[in-house]
Amino acid sequence: MKQFVLSALLLAASAATFAQTTTAVEKDPIKKIEVTGTAELEVVPDELYFTISLKEYFKDEKNQKDKIGLETLEKQLIEAVKSAGLPKENLSISGVTGYREWTGKKKPQHFLAGKQFQLKLSNANNINELMSKVDDRGVEYVNMSRVEHSKKEEFRRQVKVNALKAAKEKAGYLLESIGEKLGEVLEIHEVEEGSVYPMYKQAQYNVRMMAADAAPEGGEALEYQKIKYSYRMNATFRIK
């Protein structure tokens, strides 16, 4: 019986000690500061992606005769890309379409095919000379669909690092203003929203315009804006 009472007293004493320790910890929490750092970087794109749509047509549209096939148009485009000294992998197929061409009230008898290509260039001015080597009537449209930079991953990493440095700098001067000192980092969180914002003017040019001296003085045939990389980083630091 005495042994049981002694054990109970020891358990009670341990519980009291634990409660006191817990209370002490709760009364003395970690002092910390949470901040958000932001950083941006704008670069001129060096990868311009164009969508080129070719379509079959009849030389004699009225009578729907003498069709210029897609094979002929595609060959012209491939040869134009080759003569421009571009790697063959810069040109790829992005879609295939088909349609029937109506002439007045006459019901069309022939099916005409179309094909879309994606072409990657480093200079927008090159598109004028390149498309001049493709049959004008066989080109439905040419659009600059998007822009990129070959070192985009490197830029993304750098902007994230800069955003984290900005968070540390912000925490430092905020604490300094109230007479506190910055301690070690406790947590870092990358804000998923707002990764990369490519900003450009989607300059759409009909191929006939490009073939007719559409480029203004200075040779800027297509206008586009810089790519903007923007990131935010949340960080928590200990207050010494």
Protein backbone atom coordinates (compact mmCIF):
# COMPACT_ATOMS: atom_id res chain seq x y z
CA MET A 1 0.00 0.00 0.00
CA LYS A 2 2.83 2.37 0.89
CA GLN A 3 4.51 1.55 -2.46
CA PHE A 4 1.31 2.43 -4.36
CA VAL A 5 0.97 5.78 -2.56
CA LEU A 6 4.64 6.58 -3.28
CA SER A 7 4.18 5.83 -7.01
CA ALA A 8 1.11 8.03 -7.14
CA LEU A 9 2.99 10.88 -5.52
CA LEU A 10 5.86 10.54 -8.02
CA LEU A 11 3.44 10.61 -10.95
CA ALA A 12 1.73 13.68 -9.56
CA ALA A 13 5.06 15.43 -9.10
CA SER A 14 6.11 14.59 -12.68
CA ALA A 15 2.82 15.89 -14.03
CA ALA A 16 3.22 19.12 -12.08
CA THR A 17 6.76 19.57 -13.39
CA PHE A 18 5.60 18.98 -17.00
CA ALA A 19 2.75 21.45 -16.54
CA GLN A 20 5.13 24.08 -15.23
CA THR A 21 7.52 23.52 -18.16
CA THR A 22 4.67 23.75 -20.69
CA THR A 23 3.40 26.92 -19.06
CA ALA A 24 6.88 28.39 -19.14
CA VAL A 25 7.23 27.64 -22.83
CA GLU A 26 3.83 29.14 -23.57
CA LYS A 27 4.76 32.25 -21.68
CA ASP A 28 8.02 32.62 -23.62
CA PRO A 29 7.16 32.01 -27.34
CA ILE A 30 9.60 32.45 -30.20
CA LYS A 31 9.66 36.03 -31.36
CA LYS A 32 9.47 36.13 -35.15
CA ILE A 33 8.65 38.34 -38.11
CA GLU A 34 6.93 37.28 -41.36
CA VAL A 35 7.54 39.29 -44.55
CA THR A 36 7.05 39.03 -48.31
CA GLY A 37 9.77 39.88 -50.79
CA THR A 38 9.17 40.61 -54.48
CA ALA A 39 11.47 40.85 -57.48
CA GLU A 40 11.05 41.43 -61.22
CA LEU A 41 13.21 41.16 -64.32
CA GLU A 42 12.46 42.24 -67.89
CA VAL A 43 14.39 40.78 -70.83
CA VAL A 44 14.17 41.08 -74.59
CA PRO A 45 12.93 37.77 -76.04
CA ASP A 46 15.31 35.85 -78.27
CA GLU A 47 12.83 33.13 -79.33
CA LEU A 48 9.89 34.25 -81.49
CA TYR A 49 7.26 31.68 -82.42
CA PHE A 50 5.20 32.16 -85.58
CA THR A 51 2.14 30.24 -86.68
CA ILE A 52 2.02 29.78 -90.46
CA SER A 53 -1.14 28.42 -92.08
CA LEU A 54 -0.97 27.03 -95.63
CA LYS A 55 -4.02 26.07 -97.68
CA GLU A 56 -4.62 24.47 -101.06
CA TYR A 57 -6.26 26.54 -103.78
CA PHE A 58 -7.34 26.45 -107.44
CA LYS A 59 -5.60 28.59 -110.01
CA ASP A 60 -8.94 28.59 -111.83
CA GLU A 61 -11.24 29.27 -108.92
CA LYS A 62 -14.33 29.76 -111.05
CA ASN A 63 -14.15 26.30 -112.57
CA GLN A 64 -12.26 24.76 -109.65
CA LYS A 65 -9.39 23.52 -111.80
CA ASP A 66 -5.60 23.40 -111.60
CA LYS A 67 -5.32 22.81 -107.87
CA ILE A 68 -2.09 23.73 -106.12
CA GLY A 69 -1.65 20.94 -103.58
CA LEU A 70 -0.50 21.14 -100.01
CA GLU A 71 2.60 19.10 -100.85
CA THR A 72 3.82 21.87 -103.16
CA LEU A 73 3.23 24.62 -100.60
CA GLU A 74 4.81 22.65 -97.79
CA LYS A 75 7.88 21.96 -99.91
CA GLN A 76 8.23 25.68 -100.63
CA LEU A 77 8.10 26.49 -96.91
CA ILE A 78 10.65 23.81 -96.01
CA GLU A 79 13.02 25.05 -98.72
CA ALA A 80 12.60 28.64 -97.53
CA VAL A 81 13.50 27.62 -93.96
CA LYS A 82 16.48 25.65 -95.25
CA SER A 83 17.75 28.50 -97.43
CA ALA A 84 17.54 30.85 -94.43
CA GLY A 85 20.06 28.63 -92.66
CA LEU A 86 17.64 27.60 -89.91
CA PRO A 87 17.75 24.15 -88.24
CA LYS A 88 15.00 21.84 -89.49
CA GLU A 89 13.73 21.37 -85.92
CA ASN A 90 12.74 25.06 -85.89
CA LEU A 91 9.79 24.15 -88.12
CA SER A 92 7.11 21.77 -86.87
CA ILE A 93 3.50 20.86 -87.71
CA SER A 94 0.95 22.25 -85.25
CA GLY A 95 -2.33 21.32 -86.96
CA VAL A 96 -4.17 20.00 -90.02
CA THR A 97 -7.48 21.34 -91.37
CA GLY A 98 -9.77 20.84 -94.33
CA TYR A 99 -12.59 22.72 -96.03
CA ARG A 100 -14.66 23.05 -99.20
CA GLU A 101 -14.44 26.32 -101.08
CA TRP A 102 -17.72 27.81 -102.30
CA THR A 103 -17.87 29.83 -105.50
CA GLY A 104 -21.05 31.88 -105.53
CA LYS A 105 -24.08 29.61 -105.38
CA LYS A 106 -22.27 26.70 -106.95
CA LYS A 107 -21.88 23.74 -104.63
CA PRO A 108 -18.19 22.89 -104.12
CA GLN A 109 -17.09 19.57 -105.54
CA HIS A 110 -13.56 19.44 -104.18
CA PHE A 111 -12.10 19.13 -100.73
CA LEU A 112 -9.19 21.46 -99.96
CA ALA A 113 -6.69 20.74 -97.22
CA GLY A 114 -4.81 23.10 -94.93
CA LYS A 115 -1.89 22.70 -92.56
CA GLN A 116 -0.51 24.86 -89.76
CA PHE A 117 3.17 25.10 -88.84
CA GLN A 118 5.10 26.57 -85.95
CA LEU A 119 8.33 28.36 -86.85
CA LYS A 120 10.89 29.53 -84.30
CA LEU A 121 13.01 32.56 -85.19
CA SER A 122 15.47 34.74 -83.29
CA ASN A 123 14.74 37.85 -85.35
CA ALA A 124 11.27 39.04 -86.34
CA ASN A 125 12.54 40.71 -89.50
CA ASN A 126 13.49 37.35 -91.01
CA ILE A 127 9.84 36.38 -91.48
CA ASN A 128 9.40 38.83 -94.38
CA GLU A 129 12.15 37.38 -96.55
CA LEU A 130 11.28 33.81 -95.65
CA MET A 131 7.57 34.06 -96.52
CA SER A 132 8.32 35.81 -99.81
CA LYS A 133 9.57 32.43 -101.07
CA VAL A 134 6.19 30.75 -100.49
CA ASP A 135 3.28 31.02 -102.96
CA ASP A 136 1.29 34.02 -101.75
CA ARG A 137 -2.11 32.55 -102.58
CA GLY A 138 -1.30 29.41 -100.61
CA VAL A 139 -0.65 31.26 -97.34
CA GLU A 140 -3.78 31.79 -95.28
CA TYR A 141 -2.16 33.79 -92.46
CA VAL A 142 1.04 34.33 -90.49
CA ASN A 143 0.85 35.20 -86.77
CA MET A 144 3.43 35.73 -84.07
CA SER A 145 1.85 33.51 -81.44
CA ARG A 146 4.26 33.79 -78.51
CA VAL A 147 7.73 34.84 -77.39
CA GLU A 148 10.25 33.20 -75.06
CA HIS A 149 13.85 33.44 -73.94
CA SER A 150 16.39 30.64 -74.23
CA LYS A 151 17.66 31.34 -70.68
CA LYS A 152 14.23 31.52 -69.03
CA GLU A 153 15.01 28.92 -66.33
CA GLU A 154 18.17 30.80 -65.34
CA PHE A 155 16.19 34.05 -65.14
CA ARG A 156 13.45 32.43 -63.05
CA ARG A 157 15.96 31.14 -60.51
CA GLN A 158 17.66 34.53 -60.26
CA VAL A 159 14.38 36.39 -59.73
CA LYS A 160 13.37 33.98 -56.95
CA VAL A 161 16.74 34.49 -55.23
CA ASN A 162 16.35 38.25 -55.53
CA ALA A 163 12.83 38.03 -54.06
CA LEU A 164 14.14 36.09 -51.05
CA LYS A 165 16.97 38.61 -50.54
CA ALA A 166 14.39 41.39 -50.70
CA ALA A 167 12.37 39.64 -47.97
CA LYS A 168 15.43 39.46 -45.70
CA GLU A 169 16.28 43.10 -46.36
CA LYS A 170 12.73 44.16 -45.56
CA ALA A 171 12.69 42.19 -42.30
CA GLY A 172 16.03 43.76 -41.35
CA TYR A 173 15.05 47.40 -41.75
CA LEU A 174 11.63 46.88 -40.18
CA LEU A 175 13.20 45.39 -37.03
CA GLU A 176 15.91 48.03 -36.98
CA SER A 177 13.23 50.72 -36.88
CA ILE A 178 11.99 49.36 -33.54
CA GLY A 179 15.39 48.56 -32.06
CA GLU A 180 15.32 44.80 -32.71
CA LYS A 181 17.81 42.55 -34.51
CA LEU A 182 17.22 40.01 -37.22
CA GLY A 183 17.91 36.36 -36.43
CA GLU A 184 18.06 33.20 -38.56
CA VAL A 185 15.40 32.23 -41.06
CA LEU A 186 12.70 29.87 -39.78
CA GLU A 187 10.50 29.27 -42.83
CA ILE A 188 10.51 30.05 -46.56
CA HIS A 189 7.48 29.73 -48.83
CA GLU A 190 7.38 30.35 -52.57
CA VAL A 191 4.17 32.02 -53.73
CA GLU A 192 2.98 29.89 -56.64
CA GLU A 193 0.88 32.63 -58.21
CA GLY A 194 2.75 35.06 -60.40
CA SER A 195 5.51 32.94 -61.87
CA VAL A 196 6.17 34.27 -65.37
CA TYR A 197 4.27 36.92 -67.29
CA PRO A 198 5.21 37.02 -70.98
CA MET A 199 3.97 40.35 -72.34
CA TYR A 200 3.92 40.99 -76.05
CA LYS A 201 1.87 42.55 -78.81
CA GLN A 202 0.53 39.78 -80.98
CA ALA A 203 1.39 41.43 -84.27
CA GLN A 204 -0.64 39.71 -86.99
CA TYR A 205 0.45 40.32 -90.54
CA ASN A 206 -1.28 39.13 -93.67
CA VAL A 207 1.38 37.67 -95.95
CA ARG A 208 0.42 40.03 -98.77
CA MET A 209 1.26 43.01 -96.52
CA MET A 210 4.65 41.57 -95.67
CA ALA A 211 5.45 40.99 -99.32
CA ALA A 212 4.60 44.61 -100.15
CA ASP A 213 7.17 46.51 -98.07
CA ALA A 214 5.11 46.45 -94.88
CA ALA A 215 8.15 46.99 -92.67
CA PRO A 216 8.64 50.57 -91.48
CA GLU A 217 11.97 52.38 -91.49
CA GLY A 218 14.55 50.75 -89.25
CA GLY A 219 13.52 47.24 -90.26
CA GLU A 220 11.16 46.56 -87.33
CA ALA A 221 8.52 44.48 -89.11
CA LEU A 222 7.03 43.06 -85.93
CA GLU A 223 6.68 44.82 -82.59
CA TYR A 224 6.91 42.99 -79.30
CA GLN A 225 7.44 43.89 -75.68
CA LYS A 226 9.89 42.47 -73.15
CA ILE A 227 9.21 39.32 -71.18
CA LYS A 228 8.55 40.06 -67.53
CA TYR A 229 9.56 37.55 -64.84
CA SER A 230 7.98 38.31 -61.46
CA TYR A 231 8.02 36.28 -58.21
CA ARG A 232 7.12 36.63 -54.53
CA MET A 233 8.71 34.82 -51.59
CA ASN A 234 7.31 34.64 -48.06
CA ALA A 235 9.89 34.25 -45.29
CA THR A 236 9.78 34.04 -41.48
CA PHE A 237 12.79 35.13 -39.42
CA ARG A 238 13.60 34.86 -35.72
CA ILE A 239 13.88 38.09 -33.76
CA LYS A 240 17.00 38.04 -31.56
